[in-house]
Protein backbone atom coordinates (compact mmCIF):
# COMPACT_ATOMS: atom_id res chain seq x y z
CA MET A 1 0.00 0.00 0.00
CA GLN A 2 1.02 3.61 -0.15
CA MET A 3 0.63 6.74 1.91
CA ARG A 4 -1.10 9.20 -0.37
CA PHE A 5 -0.78 12.97 -0.55
CA ASP A 6 -4.04 13.34 1.43
CA GLY A 7 -2.80 11.32 4.42
CA CYS A 8 -4.84 8.23 3.60
CA PHE A 9 -3.58 4.75 2.87
CA GLY A 10 -4.51 3.45 -0.55
CA PHE A 11 -3.41 1.49 -3.55
CA PRO A 12 -1.72 2.98 -6.59
CA GLY A 13 -4.07 3.78 -9.42
CA GLY A 14 -6.06 6.59 -10.92
CA LEU A 15 -8.40 7.60 -13.66
CA VAL A 16 -8.49 5.94 -17.06
CA ASP A 17 -7.81 8.39 -19.89
CA ALA A 18 -10.04 8.56 -22.98
CA GLY A 19 -9.21 5.72 -25.36
CA GLU A 20 -7.47 3.57 -22.71
CA SER A 21 -8.68 0.17 -21.55
CA LEU A 22 -8.86 -0.40 -17.78
CA GLU A 23 -5.61 -2.33 -17.90
CA GLU A 24 -3.81 0.27 -20.05
CA GLY A 25 -4.83 3.02 -17.62
CA LEU A 26 -3.85 0.92 -14.62
CA ASN A 27 -0.42 0.08 -16.00
CA ARG A 28 0.20 3.74 -16.92
CA GLU A 29 -0.76 4.84 -13.39
CA LEU A 30 1.40 2.11 -11.82
CA HIS A 31 4.36 3.25 -13.88
CA GLU A 32 3.80 6.91 -12.90
CA GLU A 33 3.14 6.28 -9.19
CA ILE A 34 5.42 3.39 -8.28
CA GLY A 35 7.81 3.14 -11.23
CA LEU A 36 6.43 -0.25 -12.27
CA ASP A 37 8.31 -1.91 -15.12
CA VAL A 38 5.20 -2.63 -17.18
CA ASP A 39 7.12 -4.79 -19.63
CA LYS A 40 7.91 -7.21 -16.79
CA PHE A 41 4.92 -6.81 -14.45
CA LYS A 42 2.04 -5.77 -16.72
CA LEU A 43 -1.34 -6.32 -15.08
CA MET A 44 -3.96 -7.96 -17.27
CA LYS A 45 -7.64 -8.88 -17.09
CA LYS A 46 -6.76 -12.17 -15.37
CA ASP A 47 -5.29 -10.17 -12.45
CA HIS A 48 -8.64 -8.49 -11.70
CA LEU A 49 -10.09 -9.37 -8.28
CA ILE A 50 -13.11 -7.16 -7.67
CA SER A 51 -14.89 -4.00 -8.80
CA SER A 52 -17.14 -1.65 -6.87
CA HIS A 53 -19.15 1.49 -7.50
CA MET A 54 -18.91 4.64 -5.37
CA ALA A 55 -22.18 6.32 -6.33
CA LYS A 56 -21.54 9.59 -4.45
CA LYS A 57 -18.29 10.17 -6.34
CA LYS A 58 -19.55 8.60 -9.57
CA LEU A 59 -16.54 6.28 -9.67
CA TYR A 60 -16.04 2.63 -10.45
CA LEU A 61 -13.10 1.13 -8.58
CA HIS A 62 -11.30 -1.92 -9.94
CA PHE A 63 -8.90 -3.93 -7.79
CA TYR A 64 -6.11 -5.99 -9.32
CA ALA A 65 -3.40 -8.16 -7.75
CA LYS A 66 -0.42 -10.02 -9.17
CA GLU A 67 1.74 -12.63 -7.46
CA ILE A 68 5.45 -11.85 -7.52
CA THR A 69 8.52 -13.18 -5.73
CA MET A 70 9.95 -11.55 -2.60
CA GLN A 71 13.00 -10.47 -4.61
CA GLU A 72 10.75 -8.80 -7.21
CA PHE A 73 8.78 -7.14 -4.41
CA ARG A 74 11.94 -5.70 -2.85
CA THR A 75 13.00 -4.34 -6.24
CA LEU A 76 9.59 -2.68 -6.65
CA GLU A 77 9.91 -1.14 -3.17
CA ARG A 78 13.32 0.34 -4.02
CA ASN A 79 12.15 1.70 -7.38
CA VAL A 80 9.15 3.54 -5.98
CA HIS A 81 11.39 6.45 -4.96
CA SER A 82 12.35 7.11 -8.57
CA ALA A 83 8.77 7.05 -9.89
CA ALA A 84 7.65 10.17 -11.77
CA GLU A 85 4.91 11.05 -9.25
CA TYR A 86 6.74 10.04 -6.06
CA SER A 87 6.35 12.82 -3.46
CA ILE A 88 3.64 14.47 -5.59
CA GLU A 89 0.76 12.02 -5.27
CA VAL A 90 2.59 9.36 -3.29
CA LEU A 91 4.48 9.99 -0.05
CA GLY A 92 5.82 6.47 0.38
CA SER A 93 5.06 2.79 0.27
CA VAL A 94 4.03 0.83 3.35
CA ARG A 95 4.13 -2.87 4.11
CA VAL A 96 0.89 -4.05 5.67
CA PRO A 97 1.57 -6.01 8.86
CA LEU A 98 0.22 -9.51 8.17
CA TYR A 99 0.43 -10.59 11.80
CA THR A 100 -1.36 -9.98 15.07
CA MET A 101 0.40 -9.63 18.39
CA ASP A 102 0.11 -8.17 21.91
CA LYS A 103 -3.30 -9.51 23.00
CA ASN A 104 -4.50 -9.60 19.36
CA GLN A 105 -4.50 -5.82 19.05
CA ARG A 106 -1.24 -4.80 17.42
CA GLY A 107 -0.05 -5.51 13.89
CA LEU A 108 -2.92 -5.81 11.42
CA PRO A 109 -5.70 -4.83 13.88
CA LEU A 110 -3.94 -1.56 14.72
CA PHE A 111 -3.07 -0.90 11.05
CA LEU A 112 -6.77 -1.23 10.15
CA ARG A 113 -7.55 1.76 12.40
CA ASN A 114 -5.81 4.12 9.95
CA LYS A 115 -7.64 6.32 7.47
CA PHE A 116 -8.03 4.65 4.07
CA ALA A 117 -8.90 6.19 0.72
CA GLY A 118 -12.25 5.13 -0.70
CA ASN A 119 -12.73 1.44 -0.14
CA ALA A 120 -9.02 0.56 0.04
CA ARG A 121 -9.52 -1.07 3.47
CA GLN A 122 -12.18 -3.40 2.08
CA GLN A 123 -10.08 -4.11 -1.01
CA LEU A 124 -7.11 -4.99 1.20
CA LEU A 125 -9.13 -7.40 3.33
CA TYR A 126 -10.82 -8.97 0.31
CA GLY A 127 -7.48 -9.44 -1.46
CA LEU A 128 -5.80 -10.97 1.60
CA GLU A 129 -8.53 -13.59 1.83
CA LYS A 130 -9.11 -14.18 -1.89
CA LEU A 131 -5.39 -14.70 -2.51
CA GLY A 132 -5.08 -17.07 0.46
CA ILE A 133 -2.66 -14.81 2.35
CA LEU A 134 -4.84 -14.79 5.48
CA SER A 135 -7.82 -16.92 6.44
CA GLU A 136 -11.33 -15.54 6.80
CA GLU A 137 -11.05 -16.27 10.52
CA ASP A 138 -7.80 -14.30 10.87
CA ILE A 139 -9.27 -11.35 8.98
CA THR A 140 -12.48 -11.36 11.03
CA LYS A 141 -10.46 -11.46 14.24
CA ALA A 142 -8.24 -8.58 13.11
CA VAL A 143 -11.27 -6.45 12.16
CA GLU A 144 -13.00 -7.17 15.46
CA ASN A 145 -9.84 -6.35 17.41
CA SER A 146 -9.30 -3.14 15.46
CA ASP A 147 -12.75 -2.02 16.57
CA VAL A 148 -12.06 -2.62 20.27
CA TYR A 149 -8.50 -1.25 20.41
CA ASP A 150 -9.45 2.13 21.96
CA THR A 151 -11.76 0.61 24.55
CA VAL A 152 -9.12 -1.83 25.80
CA ASN A 153 -6.24 0.65 25.78
CA GLN A 154 -8.07 3.45 27.62
CA LYS A 155 -8.31 1.36 30.79
């Protein structure tokens, strides 16, 4: 995920320009925002996970994911600083903590308390389960514990 210019966590992406397919627009935005080598990591229709409609903003949001190796991931992390729009739209990349610790309230539960752009929080949770990274039970537990964090820590 990335910290955006507005202080929210979100995923790289943006608007599709006239004449572009969803995937062409996505790959262009990924190149601009995170310096993605689209020749090597091009996202395609098969990488699509879910779409949703934000009626108030008149936007359709499309969520894609691609499996890569840890070495490729580290290379992508390093390259983000040289992306054309780094520090303009994107303030940095962030690794999502995929663990829970300290009475089930730190790690992912605490991360989920942050402010997310649009439905990025829901996209994150959906992707983690759909891709088999975390179980439905682990995700449910993290969400429940994120909701009770303040109550427990104010005592």
